[in-house]
Amino acid sequence: MASYYDDTVPYFTGALTSLSNVLTKANAEGNFATLLEARLISDMLPLAFQVYLTCEVTAKFAARFCGTEPVKLGTWTDLKTFEDCMSMIDKAKAELNAIDKTKFDSRTEEPVEFALGPKTGKLSARNYAMSFSMPNLFFHLVTAYNILRKEGIPIGKMDYLPPWGVTKAEIVE
């Protein structure tokens, strides 16, 4: 049986790799800085925010699950270039890589407090991961992907799925 670490952390790692993949393709198309301001619709936050939140959710998941204080990644307004985005992704990956697997697996039922706007939420670490962190992680990752698609960046499933082990040979078209 896999540990809880094995059931969660690889998904966060994969999400950051997937984000890096699609941003790399976007950067190859040129004019990356203008993409950071692109939105799906006017009342949604731009690509830079989606990149930031994907990283922020990951870093906070790693810290809160392990009972430590989350690292400060900066803000979404700090993301002005492709390199800024890659640096933030690397910082979030470093937080995942720093997790002590034994400590992580011992804390699944520990309470985790987190901000919900002006309020505070409290869940077991397991429920925090599955009911709050992962849904937010994938929401912001897919929103970033969709913004890039809307902007005409030639990305597809095979830019998104490989970090989780899916190969082109396994996709029936």
C-alpha atoms as a PDB file:
ATOM      1  CA  MET A   1       0.000   0.000   0.000  1.00  0.00           C
ATOM      2  CA  ALA A   2       1.280   3.447  -0.907  1.00  0.00           C
ATOM      3  CA  SER A   3       1.866   6.048   1.768  1.00  0.00           C
ATOM      4  CA  TYR A   4      -0.187   9.225   1.911  1.00  0.00           C
ATOM      5  CA  TYR A   5       2.912  11.060   0.736  1.00  0.00           C
ATOM      6  CA  ASP A   6       2.974   8.828  -2.356  1.00  0.00           C
ATOM      7  CA  ASP A   7      -0.727   9.474  -2.915  1.00  0.00           C
ATOM      8  CA  THR A   8      -0.429  13.271  -2.865  1.00  0.00           C
ATOM      9  CA  VAL A   9       3.016  14.808  -3.321  1.00  0.00           C
ATOM     10  CA  PRO A  10       3.592  13.402  -6.846  1.00  0.00           C
ATOM     11  CA  TYR A  11       0.402  15.174  -7.998  1.00  0.00           C
ATOM     12  CA  PHE A  12       1.714  18.510  -6.765  1.00  0.00           C
ATOM     13  CA  THR A  13       5.089  17.837  -8.365  1.00  0.00           C
ATOM     14  CA  GLY A  14       3.371  16.836 -11.597  1.00  0.00           C
ATOM     15  CA  ALA A  15       1.252  19.987 -11.581  1.00  0.00           C
ATOM     16  CA  LEU A  16       4.334  22.188 -11.317  1.00  0.00           C
ATOM     17  CA  THR A  17       6.032  20.245 -14.118  1.00  0.00           C
ATOM     18  CA  SER A  18       2.922  20.514 -16.272  1.00  0.00           C
ATOM     19  CA  LEU A  19       2.803  24.264 -15.621  1.00  0.00           C
ATOM     20  CA  SER A  20       6.467  24.540 -16.560  1.00  0.00           C
ATOM     21  CA  ASN A  21       5.813  22.586 -19.779  1.00  0.00           C
ATOM     22  CA  VAL A  22       3.000  24.827 -20.998  1.00  0.00           C
ATOM     23  CA  LEU A  23       4.801  28.023 -20.006  1.00  0.00           C
ATOM     24  CA  THR A  24       7.911  26.867 -21.854  1.00  0.00           C
ATOM     25  CA  LYS A  25       5.871  26.358 -25.009  1.00  0.00           C
ATOM     26  CA  ALA A  26       4.261  29.769 -24.523  1.00  0.00           C
ATOM     27  CA  ASN A  27       7.667  31.378 -24.119  1.00  0.00           C
ATOM     28  CA  ALA A  28       8.842  29.805 -27.374  1.00  0.00           C
ATOM     29  CA  GLU A  29       6.021  31.633 -29.166  1.00  0.00           C
ATOM     30  CA  GLY A  30       7.404  35.022 -28.100  1.00  0.00           C
ATOM     31  CA  ASN A  31       5.736  37.983 -26.374  1.00  0.00           C
ATOM     32  CA  PHE A  32       5.587  36.120 -23.053  1.00  0.00           C
ATOM     33  CA  ALA A  33       5.248  39.299 -20.961  1.00  0.00           C
ATOM     34  CA  THR A  34       1.960  40.164 -22.658  1.00  0.00           C
ATOM     35  CA  LEU A  35       0.637  36.654 -21.950  1.00  0.00           C
ATOM     36  CA  LEU A  36       1.087  37.220 -18.211  1.00  0.00           C
ATOM     37  CA  GLU A  37      -1.709  39.817 -18.361  1.00  0.00           C
ATOM     38  CA  ALA A  38      -4.047  37.610 -20.446  1.00  0.00           C
ATOM     39  CA  ARG A  39      -7.350  36.509 -18.895  1.00  0.00           C
ATOM     40  CA  LEU A  40     -10.106  34.101 -19.816  1.00  0.00           C
ATOM     41  CA  ILE A  41     -12.698  36.794 -19.169  1.00  0.00           C
ATOM     42  CA  SER A  42     -12.469  40.295 -17.769  1.00  0.00           C
ATOM     43  CA  ASP A  43     -13.510  39.446 -14.214  1.00  0.00           C
ATOM     44  CA  MET A  44     -10.940  36.654 -13.773  1.00  0.00           C
ATOM     45  CA  LEU A  45      -7.381  37.265 -12.691  1.00  0.00           C
ATOM     46  CA  PRO A  46      -4.614  36.974 -15.318  1.00  0.00           C
ATOM     47  CA  LEU A  47      -2.131  34.242 -16.166  1.00  0.00           C
ATOM     48  CA  ALA A  48       0.462  35.637 -13.739  1.00  0.00           C
ATOM     49  CA  PHE A  49      -2.017  35.134 -10.888  1.00  0.00           C
ATOM     50  CA  GLN A  50      -2.763  31.555 -12.001  1.00  0.00           C
ATOM     51  CA  VAL A  51       0.957  30.723 -12.078  1.00  0.00           C
ATOM     52  CA  TYR A  52       1.429  32.288  -8.654  1.00  0.00           C
ATOM     53  CA  LEU A  53      -1.526  30.472  -7.084  1.00  0.00           C
ATOM     54  CA  THR A  54      -0.455  27.101  -8.487  1.00  0.00           C
ATOM     55  CA  CYS A  55       2.910  27.638  -6.793  1.00  0.00           C
ATOM     56  CA  GLU A  56       1.469  29.177  -3.628  1.00  0.00           C
ATOM     57  CA  VAL A  57      -1.037  26.355  -3.074  1.00  0.00           C
ATOM     58  CA  THR A  58       1.817  23.865  -3.484  1.00  0.00           C
ATOM     59  CA  ALA A  59       4.158  25.619  -1.048  1.00  0.00           C
ATOM     60  CA  LYS A  60       1.413  26.045   1.539  1.00  0.00           C
ATOM     61  CA  PHE A  61       0.353  22.409   1.183  1.00  0.00           C
ATOM     62  CA  ALA A  62       3.926  21.252   1.823  1.00  0.00           C
ATOM     63  CA  ALA A  63       4.409  23.502   4.835  1.00  0.00           C
ATOM     64  CA  ARG A  64       1.040  23.104   6.485  1.00  0.00           C
ATOM     65  CA  PHE A  65       1.005  19.367   6.067  1.00  0.00           C
ATOM     66  CA  CYS A  66       4.398  19.195   7.769  1.00  0.00           C
ATOM     67  CA  GLY A  67       3.460  21.680  10.493  1.00  0.00           C
ATOM     68  CA  THR A  68       5.832  24.424   9.367  1.00  0.00           C
ATOM     69  CA  GLU A  69       5.393  28.007   8.247  1.00  0.00           C
ATOM     70  CA  PRO A  70       4.931  28.434   4.472  1.00  0.00           C
ATOM     71  CA  VAL A  71       7.819  29.999   2.565  1.00  0.00           C
ATOM     72  CA  LYS A  72       7.185  33.448   1.058  1.00  0.00           C
ATOM     73  CA  LEU A  73       7.182  33.105  -2.720  1.00  0.00           C
ATOM     74  CA  GLY A  74       6.496  36.751  -3.438  1.00  0.00           C
ATOM     75  CA  THR A  75       3.328  37.988  -5.114  1.00  0.00           C
ATOM     76  CA  TRP A  76       1.731  37.446  -8.478  1.00  0.00           C
ATOM     77  CA  THR A  77       2.622  40.994  -9.471  1.00  0.00           C
ATOM     78  CA  ASP A  78       6.307  39.980  -9.178  1.00  0.00           C
ATOM     79  CA  LEU A  79       5.865  37.756 -12.243  1.00  0.00           C
ATOM     80  CA  LYS A  80       6.990  39.900 -15.166  1.00  0.00           C
ATOM     81  CA  THR A  81       9.025  37.430 -17.239  1.00  0.00           C
ATOM     82  CA  PHE A  82       9.269  33.761 -18.136  1.00  0.00           C
ATOM     83  CA  GLU A  83      12.303  33.509 -15.856  1.00  0.00           C
ATOM     84  CA  ASP A  84      10.303  34.942 -12.940  1.00  0.00           C
ATOM     85  CA  CYS A  85       7.692  32.226 -13.462  1.00  0.00           C
ATOM     86  CA  MET A  86      10.281  29.447 -13.678  1.00  0.00           C
ATOM     87  CA  SER A  87      11.975  30.724 -10.535  1.00  0.00           C
ATOM     88  CA  MET A  88       8.708  30.660  -8.605  1.00  0.00           C
ATOM     89  CA  ILE A  89       7.957  27.136  -9.857  1.00  0.00           C
ATOM     90  CA  ASP A  90      11.446  26.053  -8.749  1.00  0.00           C
ATOM     91  CA  LYS A  91      10.862  27.518  -5.263  1.00  0.00           C
ATOM     92  CA  ALA A  92       7.592  25.613  -4.938  1.00  0.00           C
ATOM     93  CA  LYS A  93       9.266  22.390  -6.131  1.00  0.00           C
ATOM     94  CA  ALA A  94      12.000  22.910  -3.541  1.00  0.00           C
ATOM     95  CA  GLU A  95       9.329  22.994  -0.831  1.00  0.00           C
ATOM     96  CA  LEU A  96       8.003  19.629  -2.018  1.00  0.00           C
ATOM     97  CA  ASN A  97      11.514  18.175  -2.215  1.00  0.00           C
ATOM     98  CA  ALA A  98      12.205  19.265   1.373  1.00  0.00           C
ATOM     99  CA  ILE A  99       9.314  17.213   2.795  1.00  0.00           C
ATOM    100  CA  ASP A 100      10.309  14.508   5.239  1.00  0.00           C
ATOM    101  CA  LYS A 101       8.166  11.578   4.068  1.00  0.00           C
ATOM    102  CA  THR A 102       7.978   9.919   7.502  1.00  0.00           C
ATOM    103  CA  LYS A 103       6.918  13.136   9.225  1.00  0.00           C
ATOM    104  CA  PHE A 104       4.452  13.854   6.437  1.00  0.00           C
ATOM    105  CA  ASP A 105       2.812  10.428   6.725  1.00  0.00           C
ATOM    106  CA  SER A 106       2.594  10.735  10.514  1.00  0.00           C
ATOM    107  CA  ARG A 107       0.553  13.962  10.296  1.00  0.00           C
ATOM    108  CA  THR A 108      -2.465  12.949   8.186  1.00  0.00           C
ATOM    109  CA  GLU A 109      -4.933  13.480  11.031  1.00  0.00           C
ATOM    110  CA  GLU A 110      -3.257  16.567  12.526  1.00  0.00           C
ATOM    111  CA  PRO A 111      -5.327  19.767  12.348  1.00  0.00           C
ATOM    112  CA  VAL A 112      -4.371  22.322   9.730  1.00  0.00           C
ATOM    113  CA  GLU A 113      -5.526  25.942   9.885  1.00  0.00           C
ATOM    114  CA  PHE A 114      -5.673  28.018   6.730  1.00  0.00           C
ATOM    115  CA  ALA A 115      -7.075  31.316   5.523  1.00  0.00           C
ATOM    116  CA  LEU A 116     -10.404  31.489   3.715  1.00  0.00           C
ATOM    117  CA  GLY A 117     -10.494  35.155   2.874  1.00  0.00           C
ATOM    118  CA  PRO A 118     -11.109  36.982   6.159  1.00  0.00           C
ATOM    119  CA  LYS A 119     -12.031  33.706   7.893  1.00  0.00           C
ATOM    120  CA  THR A 120      -9.965  30.726   9.017  1.00  0.00           C
ATOM    121  CA  GLY A 121     -10.622  27.127   8.060  1.00  0.00           C
ATOM    122  CA  LYS A 122      -9.543  24.088  10.044  1.00  0.00           C
ATOM    123  CA  LEU A 123      -9.347  20.552   8.646  1.00  0.00           C
ATOM    124  CA  SER A 124      -7.326  17.431   9.234  1.00  0.00           C
ATOM    125  CA  ALA A 125      -4.176  17.488   7.098  1.00  0.00           C
ATOM    126  CA  ARG A 126      -5.651  14.685   4.966  1.00  0.00           C
ATOM    127  CA  ASN A 127      -8.852  16.649   4.305  1.00  0.00           C
ATOM    128  CA  TYR A 128      -6.883  19.852   3.782  1.00  0.00           C
ATOM    129  CA  ALA A 129      -4.914  18.092   1.040  1.00  0.00           C
ATOM    130  CA  MET A 130      -7.853  16.447  -0.690  1.00  0.00           C
ATOM    131  CA  SER A 131     -10.664  18.964  -0.126  1.00  0.00           C
ATOM    132  CA  PHE A 132      -8.822  22.266  -0.337  1.00  0.00           C
ATOM    133  CA  SER A 133      -5.285  22.080  -1.714  1.00  0.00           C
ATOM    134  CA  MET A 134      -5.684  19.676  -4.620  1.00  0.00           C
ATOM    135  CA  PRO A 135      -8.894  21.223  -5.979  1.00  0.00           C
ATOM    136  CA  ASN A 136      -7.272  24.682  -5.845  1.00  0.00           C
ATOM    137  CA  LEU A 137      -4.061  23.368  -7.380  1.00  0.00           C
ATOM    138  CA  PHE A 138      -5.821  21.898 -10.395  1.00  0.00           C
ATOM    139  CA  PHE A 139      -8.221  24.833 -10.765  1.00  0.00           C
ATOM    140  CA  HIS A 140      -5.365  27.317 -11.149  1.00  0.00           C
ATOM    141  CA  LEU A 141      -3.231  24.986 -13.277  1.00  0.00           C
ATOM    142  CA  VAL A 142      -6.075  24.339 -15.723  1.00  0.00           C
ATOM    143  CA  THR A 143      -7.003  28.024 -15.761  1.00  0.00           C
ATOM    144  CA  ALA A 144      -3.404  28.864 -16.748  1.00  0.00           C
ATOM    145  CA  TYR A 145      -3.561  26.186 -19.463  1.00  0.00           C
ATOM    146  CA  ASN A 146      -6.887  27.536 -20.738  1.00  0.00           C
ATOM    147  CA  ILE A 147      -5.633  31.127 -20.845  1.00  0.00           C
ATOM    148  CA  LEU A 148      -2.706  30.008 -22.980  1.00  0.00           C
ATOM    149  CA  ARG A 149      -5.020  28.066 -25.302  1.00  0.00           C
ATOM    150  CA  LYS A 150      -7.313  31.077 -25.602  1.00  0.00           C
ATOM    151  CA  GLU A 151      -4.292  33.179 -26.527  1.00  0.00           C
ATOM    152  CA  GLY A 152      -3.444  30.789 -29.373  1.00  0.00           C
ATOM    153  CA  ILE A 153      -0.504  28.971 -27.806  1.00  0.00           C
ATOM    154  CA  PRO A 154      -0.263  25.546 -29.501  1.00  0.00           C
ATOM    155  CA  ILE A 155      -0.486  23.322 -26.432  1.00  0.00           C
ATOM    156  CA  GLY A 156      -2.461  20.153 -25.949  1.00  0.00           C
ATOM    157  CA  LYS A 157      -2.972  17.163 -23.687  1.00  0.00           C
ATOM    158  CA  MET A 158       0.535  15.887 -24.279  1.00  0.00           C
ATOM    159  CA  ASP A 159       1.959  19.098 -22.864  1.00  0.00           C
ATOM    160  CA  TYR A 160      -0.237  18.715 -19.787  1.00  0.00           C
ATOM    161  CA  LEU A 161      -0.395  14.958 -18.986  1.00  0.00           C
ATOM    162  CA  PRO A 162       3.159  13.506 -19.130  1.00  0.00           C
ATOM    163  CA  PRO A 163       4.200  14.596 -15.612  1.00  0.00           C
ATOM    164  CA  TRP A 164       1.718  12.042 -14.296  1.00  0.00           C
ATOM    165  CA  GLY A 165       3.084   9.249 -16.488  1.00  0.00           C
ATOM    166  CA  VAL A 166       0.774   9.409 -19.523  1.00  0.00           C
ATOM    167  CA  THR A 167       2.561   8.896 -22.818  1.00  0.00           C
ATOM    168  CA  LYS A 168       1.402   9.679 -26.345  1.00  0.00           C
ATOM    169  CA  ALA A 169       1.259   5.952 -27.077  1.00  0.00           C
ATOM    170  CA  GLU A 170      -1.431   5.631 -24.384  1.00  0.00           C
ATOM    171  CA  ILE A 171      -3.681   8.331 -25.839  1.00  0.00           C
ATOM    172  CA  VAL A 172      -6.215   7.030 -28.330  1.00  0.00           C
ATOM    173  CA  GLU A 173      -7.080   9.772 -30.779  1.00  0.00           C
END
